[in-house]
Amino acid sequence: MKIVTWLSAGLATSVLLGGLGCKGASNQYMCRARQAEAKAGLASLHSAQSSYHAANKKYAGSLKDLAAPAVPPRYYELAIASASDKGYVATATGKDQAAGDVWTIDQSGKPTAKVDKCEAKP
């Protein structure tokens, strides 16, 4: 069981989660939090790809060609699926608790869910 407290208009409201059917909501929250890691990793990769393209007139075909993130993602594996002078596609594939979740990004800079594990849950 978990107790969550909200502060609203100076009043504290506590709700006991777990036995009240809120466990699914808690799992959904954790799933979305892990997906934020995928989106942040892909956004960082997009920024690095933009810089690489400006300097080399092509996109990097390997993560080794780009500056590595300061902290590697915990729940996602980043990879560059394809790259050319005109565009690229990179993926964030879930591992551990995020296994089965797949996100992509391309030169447009918009992360897109290919398989959204959070949507598949009730």
N, C-alpha and C. Protein backbone atom coordinates (compact mmCIF):
# COMPACT_ATOMS: atom_id res chain seq x y z
N MET A 1 0.83 -1.19 0.00
CA MET A 1 0.00 0.00 0.00
C MET A 1 0.87 1.24 0.00
N LYS A 2 0.38 2.28 -0.63
CA LYS A 2 1.12 3.52 -0.72
C LYS A 2 0.18 4.67 -0.39
N ILE A 3 0.65 5.60 0.42
CA ILE A 3 -0.16 6.77 0.76
C ILE A 3 0.36 7.95 -0.05
N VAL A 4 -0.54 8.60 -0.76
CA VAL A 4 -0.20 9.76 -1.57
C VAL A 4 -0.92 10.96 -1.00
N THR A 5 -0.22 12.07 -0.86
CA THR A 5 -0.80 13.28 -0.29
C THR A 5 -0.80 14.39 -1.33
N TRP A 6 -1.92 15.06 -1.50
CA TRP A 6 -2.03 16.22 -2.37
C TRP A 6 -2.27 17.45 -1.51
N LEU A 7 -1.68 18.55 -1.88
CA LEU A 7 -1.95 19.82 -1.21
C LEU A 7 -2.78 20.67 -2.15
N SER A 8 -3.94 21.04 -1.71
CA SER A 8 -4.83 21.82 -2.56
C SER A 8 -5.53 22.86 -1.69
N ALA A 9 -5.39 24.12 -2.06
CA ALA A 9 -6.02 25.23 -1.35
C ALA A 9 -5.71 25.16 0.14
N GLY A 10 -4.49 24.77 0.47
CA GLY A 10 -4.07 24.74 1.86
C GLY A 10 -4.50 23.50 2.62
N LEU A 11 -5.24 22.61 1.99
CA LEU A 11 -5.70 21.40 2.65
C LEU A 11 -4.90 20.21 2.14
N ALA A 12 -4.56 19.33 3.04
CA ALA A 12 -3.85 18.11 2.66
C ALA A 12 -4.86 16.98 2.54
N THR A 13 -4.82 16.28 1.42
CA THR A 13 -5.70 15.15 1.20
C THR A 13 -4.84 13.92 0.98
N SER A 14 -5.09 12.89 1.77
CA SER A 14 -4.33 11.65 1.62
C SER A 14 -5.23 10.56 1.08
N VAL A 15 -4.68 9.77 0.17
CA VAL A 15 -5.41 8.66 -0.41
C VAL A 15 -4.54 7.41 -0.29
N LEU A 16 -5.14 6.34 0.15
CA LEU A 16 -4.43 5.08 0.25
C LEU A 16 -4.56 4.36 -1.09
N LEU A 17 -3.40 4.15 -1.78
CA LEU A 17 -3.42 3.48 -3.07
C LEU A 17 -3.08 2.01 -2.89
N GLY A 18 -3.59 1.19 -3.72
CA GLY A 18 -3.27 -0.24 -3.69
C GLY A 18 -4.54 -1.05 -3.58
N GLY A 19 -5.18 -0.99 -2.46
CA GLY A 19 -6.39 -1.76 -2.25
C GLY A 19 -7.61 -1.12 -2.88
N LEU A 20 -7.49 0.06 -3.43
CA LEU A 20 -8.64 0.77 -3.98
C LEU A 20 -8.69 0.70 -5.50
N GLY A 21 -7.96 -0.21 -6.12
CA GLY A 21 -7.98 -0.31 -7.57
C GLY A 21 -7.11 0.71 -8.25
N CYS A 22 -6.24 1.37 -7.53
CA CYS A 22 -5.39 2.41 -8.10
C CYS A 22 -4.03 1.87 -8.52
N LYS A 23 -3.81 0.59 -8.31
CA LYS A 23 -2.52 0.02 -8.67
C LYS A 23 -2.26 0.18 -10.16
N GLY A 24 -3.27 0.01 -10.99
CA GLY A 24 -3.12 0.19 -12.43
C GLY A 24 -2.71 1.60 -12.78
N ALA A 25 -3.26 2.58 -12.06
CA ALA A 25 -2.90 3.97 -12.30
C ALA A 25 -1.44 4.21 -11.93
N SER A 26 -0.99 3.58 -10.85
CA SER A 26 0.41 3.72 -10.44
C SER A 26 1.34 3.10 -11.47
N ASN A 27 0.98 1.92 -12.00
CA ASN A 27 1.78 1.28 -13.04
C ASN A 27 1.81 2.13 -14.30
N GLN A 28 0.68 2.73 -14.65
CA GLN A 28 0.60 3.60 -15.82
C GLN A 28 1.53 4.81 -15.64
N TYR A 29 1.53 5.36 -14.44
CA TYR A 29 2.41 6.50 -14.14
C TYR A 29 3.87 6.11 -14.32
N MET A 30 4.26 4.95 -13.80
CA MET A 30 5.64 4.48 -13.92
C MET A 30 6.00 4.21 -15.37
N CYS A 31 5.08 3.66 -16.12
CA CYS A 31 5.31 3.38 -17.53
C CYS A 31 5.57 4.69 -18.29
N ARG A 32 4.76 5.70 -18.04
CA ARG A 32 4.94 7.00 -18.69
C ARG A 32 6.25 7.66 -18.25
N ALA A 33 6.63 7.48 -17.00
CA ALA A 33 7.89 8.05 -16.52
C ALA A 33 9.07 7.41 -17.24
N ARG A 34 9.00 6.09 -17.46
CA ARG A 34 10.07 5.42 -18.20
C ARG A 34 10.10 5.90 -19.66
N GLN A 35 8.93 6.12 -20.24
CA GLN A 35 8.88 6.61 -21.62
C GLN A 35 9.49 8.01 -21.74
N ALA A 36 9.41 8.79 -20.69
CA ALA A 36 10.04 10.11 -20.70
C ALA A 36 11.54 9.96 -20.91
N GLU A 37 12.12 8.89 -20.36
CA GLU A 37 13.55 8.62 -20.57
C GLU A 37 13.83 8.35 -22.05
N ALA A 38 12.97 7.58 -22.70
CA ALA A 38 13.15 7.29 -24.13
C ALA A 38 13.08 8.57 -24.95
N LYS A 39 12.08 9.40 -24.66
CA LYS A 39 11.91 10.66 -25.40
C LYS A 39 13.08 11.60 -25.17
N ALA A 40 13.58 11.67 -23.94
CA ALA A 40 14.72 12.55 -23.64
C ALA A 40 15.98 12.04 -24.35
N GLY A 41 16.18 10.72 -24.35
CA GLY A 41 17.34 10.15 -25.04
C GLY A 41 17.28 10.41 -26.53
N LEU A 42 16.10 10.26 -27.12
CA LEU A 42 15.94 10.51 -28.55
C LEU A 42 16.11 11.99 -28.87
N ALA A 43 15.62 12.87 -28.00
CA ALA A 43 15.79 14.31 -28.22
C ALA A 43 17.26 14.69 -28.16
N SER A 44 18.00 14.09 -27.24
CA SER A 44 19.44 14.34 -27.14
C SER A 44 20.15 13.83 -28.39
N LEU A 45 19.75 12.66 -28.86
CA LEU A 45 20.33 12.10 -30.07
C LEU A 45 20.02 12.99 -31.27
N HIS A 46 18.80 13.52 -31.34
CA HIS A 46 18.41 14.42 -32.43
C HIS A 46 19.29 15.67 -32.43
N SER A 47 19.53 16.22 -31.26
CA SER A 47 20.38 17.41 -31.15
C SER A 47 21.80 17.10 -31.65
N ALA A 48 22.32 15.94 -31.25
CA ALA A 48 23.66 15.54 -31.69
C ALA A 48 23.68 15.30 -33.20
N GLN A 49 22.63 14.70 -33.74
CA GLN A 49 22.55 14.47 -35.18
C GLN A 49 22.49 15.80 -35.95
N SER A 50 21.76 16.76 -35.43
CA SER A 50 21.67 18.08 -36.08
C SER A 50 23.04 18.74 -36.14
N SER A 51 23.78 18.67 -35.05
CA SER A 51 25.13 19.25 -35.02
C SER A 51 26.06 18.51 -35.97
N TYR A 52 25.96 17.19 -35.97
CA TYR A 52 26.80 16.37 -36.85
C TYR A 52 26.50 16.71 -38.31
N HIS A 53 25.21 16.83 -38.65
CA HIS A 53 24.80 17.13 -40.03
C HIS A 53 25.31 18.51 -40.46
N ALA A 54 25.25 19.47 -39.57
CA ALA A 54 25.73 20.83 -39.89
C ALA A 54 27.22 20.82 -40.21
N ALA A 55 27.98 19.98 -39.52
CA ALA A 55 29.43 19.93 -39.72
C ALA A 55 29.85 19.02 -40.87
N ASN A 56 29.06 17.96 -41.13
CA ASN A 56 29.49 16.93 -42.09
C ASN A 56 28.60 16.79 -43.32
N LYS A 57 27.51 17.53 -43.38
CA LYS A 57 26.55 17.47 -44.50
C LYS A 57 25.94 16.08 -44.69
N LYS A 58 25.95 15.29 -43.65
CA LYS A 58 25.28 13.99 -43.63
C LYS A 58 25.00 13.66 -42.17
N TYR A 59 24.09 12.71 -41.96
CA TYR A 59 23.77 12.28 -40.60
C TYR A 59 24.66 11.11 -40.21
N ALA A 60 24.96 11.00 -38.93
CA ALA A 60 25.82 9.93 -38.42
C ALA A 60 25.10 8.59 -38.52
N GLY A 61 25.82 7.58 -38.96
CA GLY A 61 25.25 6.24 -39.08
C GLY A 61 25.49 5.37 -37.87
N SER A 62 26.21 5.92 -36.88
CA SER A 62 26.56 5.15 -35.69
C SER A 62 26.56 6.06 -34.47
N LEU A 63 26.18 5.51 -33.33
CA LEU A 63 26.23 6.28 -32.09
C LEU A 63 27.67 6.66 -31.75
N LYS A 64 28.62 5.86 -32.18
CA LYS A 64 30.03 6.15 -31.91
C LYS A 64 30.47 7.45 -32.58
N ASP A 65 29.81 7.82 -33.68
CA ASP A 65 30.14 9.07 -34.37
C ASP A 65 29.61 10.29 -33.64
N LEU A 66 28.68 10.07 -32.73
CA LEU A 66 28.07 11.17 -31.97
C LEU A 66 28.62 11.18 -30.55
N ALA A 67 28.52 12.31 -29.90
CA ALA A 67 28.92 12.38 -28.49
C ALA A 67 27.96 11.52 -27.67
N ALA A 68 28.50 10.65 -26.84
CA ALA A 68 27.66 9.77 -26.02
C ALA A 68 26.94 10.59 -24.96
N PRO A 69 25.71 10.20 -24.61
CA PRO A 69 25.01 10.91 -23.54
C PRO A 69 25.78 10.79 -22.22
N ALA A 70 25.67 11.81 -21.38
CA ALA A 70 26.37 11.82 -20.09
C ALA A 70 25.96 10.63 -19.24
N VAL A 71 24.69 10.30 -19.25
CA VAL A 71 24.18 9.16 -18.49
C VAL A 71 23.42 8.26 -19.47
N PRO A 72 23.88 7.02 -19.67
CA PRO A 72 23.17 6.15 -20.60
C PRO A 72 21.77 5.84 -20.07
N PRO A 73 20.79 5.68 -20.96
CA PRO A 73 19.43 5.38 -20.52
C PRO A 73 19.37 4.08 -19.73
N ARG A 74 18.55 4.05 -18.70
CA ARG A 74 18.41 2.87 -17.84
C ARG A 74 17.45 1.85 -18.45
N TYR A 75 16.36 2.33 -19.02
CA TYR A 75 15.31 1.43 -19.48
C TYR A 75 15.21 1.28 -20.99
N TYR A 76 16.06 1.98 -21.74
CA TYR A 76 15.99 1.94 -23.21
C TYR A 76 17.37 1.81 -23.82
N GLU A 77 17.43 1.14 -24.95
CA GLU A 77 18.65 1.01 -25.75
C GLU A 77 18.48 1.91 -26.97
N LEU A 78 19.40 2.85 -27.14
CA LEU A 78 19.34 3.75 -28.29
C LEU A 78 20.16 3.18 -29.44
N ALA A 79 19.67 3.36 -30.67
CA ALA A 79 20.39 2.89 -31.86
C ALA A 79 20.00 3.76 -33.05
N ILE A 80 20.89 3.84 -34.02
CA ILE A 80 20.58 4.51 -35.28
C ILE A 80 20.24 3.42 -36.28
N ALA A 81 18.99 3.42 -36.75
CA ALA A 81 18.52 2.38 -37.67
C ALA A 81 18.99 2.64 -39.09
N SER A 82 18.98 3.92 -39.50
CA SER A 82 19.44 4.28 -40.85
C SER A 82 19.85 5.74 -40.85
N ALA A 83 20.76 6.07 -41.79
CA ALA A 83 21.23 7.46 -41.91
C ALA A 83 21.76 7.70 -43.31
N SER A 84 21.57 8.93 -43.80
CA SER A 84 22.09 9.35 -45.10
C SER A 84 22.35 10.84 -45.03
N ASP A 85 22.58 11.46 -46.17
CA ASP A 85 22.76 12.90 -46.17
C ASP A 85 21.43 13.63 -46.04
N LYS A 86 20.33 12.95 -46.31
CA LYS A 86 19.01 13.58 -46.28
C LYS A 86 18.22 13.34 -44.99
N GLY A 87 18.52 12.28 -44.27
CA GLY A 87 17.75 11.99 -43.06
C GLY A 87 18.30 10.81 -42.28
N TYR A 88 17.65 10.53 -41.18
CA TYR A 88 18.04 9.40 -40.33
C TYR A 88 16.81 8.91 -39.57
N VAL A 89 16.91 7.72 -39.06
CA VAL A 89 15.91 7.16 -38.14
C VAL A 89 16.68 6.54 -36.99
N ALA A 90 16.32 6.92 -35.78
CA ALA A 90 16.92 6.35 -34.57
C ALA A 90 15.81 5.72 -33.74
N THR A 91 16.17 4.71 -32.96
CA THR A 91 15.19 4.01 -32.14
C THR A 91 15.60 3.99 -30.67
N ALA A 92 14.59 3.93 -29.83
CA ALA A 92 14.77 3.67 -28.39
C ALA A 92 13.92 2.44 -28.12
N THR A 93 14.58 1.32 -27.83
CA THR A 93 13.90 0.05 -27.60
C THR A 93 13.94 -0.28 -26.12
N GLY A 94 12.77 -0.51 -25.55
CA GLY A 94 12.67 -0.77 -24.12
C GLY A 94 13.37 -2.05 -23.68
N LYS A 95 13.91 -2.01 -22.47
CA LYS A 95 14.52 -3.19 -21.84
C LYS A 95 14.06 -3.23 -20.39
N ASP A 96 14.27 -4.34 -19.73
CA ASP A 96 13.84 -4.54 -18.35
C ASP A 96 12.34 -4.24 -18.23
N GLN A 97 11.93 -3.35 -17.32
CA GLN A 97 10.50 -3.06 -17.13
C GLN A 97 9.86 -2.39 -18.34
N ALA A 98 10.65 -1.82 -19.24
CA ALA A 98 10.11 -1.16 -20.43
C ALA A 98 10.16 -2.06 -21.66
N ALA A 99 10.51 -3.33 -21.48
CA ALA A 99 10.62 -4.25 -22.61
C ALA A 99 9.34 -4.27 -23.43
N GLY A 100 9.49 -4.23 -24.75
CA GLY A 100 8.34 -4.23 -25.65
C GLY A 100 7.95 -2.84 -26.12
N ASP A 101 8.47 -1.80 -25.50
CA ASP A 101 8.17 -0.42 -25.87
C ASP A 101 9.19 0.03 -26.91
N VAL A 102 8.74 0.62 -28.03
CA VAL A 102 9.65 1.06 -29.08
C VAL A 102 9.26 2.46 -29.55
N TRP A 103 10.24 3.38 -29.51
CA TRP A 103 10.05 4.75 -29.97
C TRP A 103 11.08 5.06 -31.05
N THR A 104 10.71 5.95 -31.97
CA THR A 104 11.64 6.37 -33.02
C THR A 104 11.67 7.88 -33.11
N ILE A 105 12.72 8.38 -33.75
CA ILE A 105 12.82 9.80 -34.07
C ILE A 105 13.55 9.89 -35.40
N ASP A 106 13.26 10.93 -36.17
CA ASP A 106 13.98 11.16 -37.41
C ASP A 106 14.40 12.63 -37.47
N GLN A 107 14.83 13.06 -38.63
CA GLN A 107 15.35 14.42 -38.77
C GLN A 107 14.31 15.50 -38.45
N SER A 108 13.03 15.15 -38.41
CA SER A 108 12.00 16.14 -38.04
C SER A 108 12.07 16.48 -36.55
N GLY A 109 12.63 15.57 -35.74
CA GLY A 109 12.79 15.83 -34.31
C GLY A 109 11.61 15.46 -33.45
N LYS A 110 10.62 14.75 -34.01
CA LYS A 110 9.43 14.40 -33.23
C LYS A 110 9.46 12.92 -32.85
N PRO A 111 9.58 12.60 -31.54
CA PRO A 111 9.54 11.19 -31.13
C PRO A 111 8.16 10.59 -31.42
N THR A 112 8.15 9.36 -31.92
CA THR A 112 6.92 8.67 -32.28
C THR A 112 6.93 7.26 -31.69
N ALA A 113 5.82 6.87 -31.11
CA ALA A 113 5.71 5.51 -30.58
C ALA A 113 5.42 4.54 -31.71
N LYS A 114 6.27 3.54 -31.87
CA LYS A 114 5.99 2.45 -32.81
C LYS A 114 5.23 1.36 -32.08
N VAL A 115 5.62 1.09 -30.85
CA VAL A 115 4.89 0.18 -29.96
C VAL A 115 4.82 0.88 -28.61
N ASP A 116 3.62 1.33 -28.23
CA ASP A 116 3.44 2.05 -26.97
C ASP A 116 2.94 1.08 -25.90
N LYS A 117 3.86 0.59 -25.10
CA LYS A 117 3.53 -0.40 -24.06
C LYS A 117 2.53 0.17 -23.06
N CYS A 118 2.59 1.45 -22.79
CA CYS A 118 1.67 2.07 -21.82
C CYS A 118 0.24 2.06 -22.34
N GLU A 119 0.05 2.24 -23.64
CA GLU A 119 -1.30 2.23 -24.22
C GLU A 119 -1.91 0.84 -24.20
N ALA A 120 -1.06 -0.17 -24.23
CA ALA A 120 -1.55 -1.55 -24.26
C ALA A 120 -2.09 -1.99 -22.90
N LYS A 121 -1.78 -1.24 -21.83
CA LYS A 121 -2.23 -1.62 -20.49
C LYS A 121 -3.58 -1.00 -20.19
N PRO A 122 -4.37 -1.68 -19.36
CA PRO A 122 -5.68 -1.12 -18.99
C PRO A 122 -5.55 0.11 -18.14
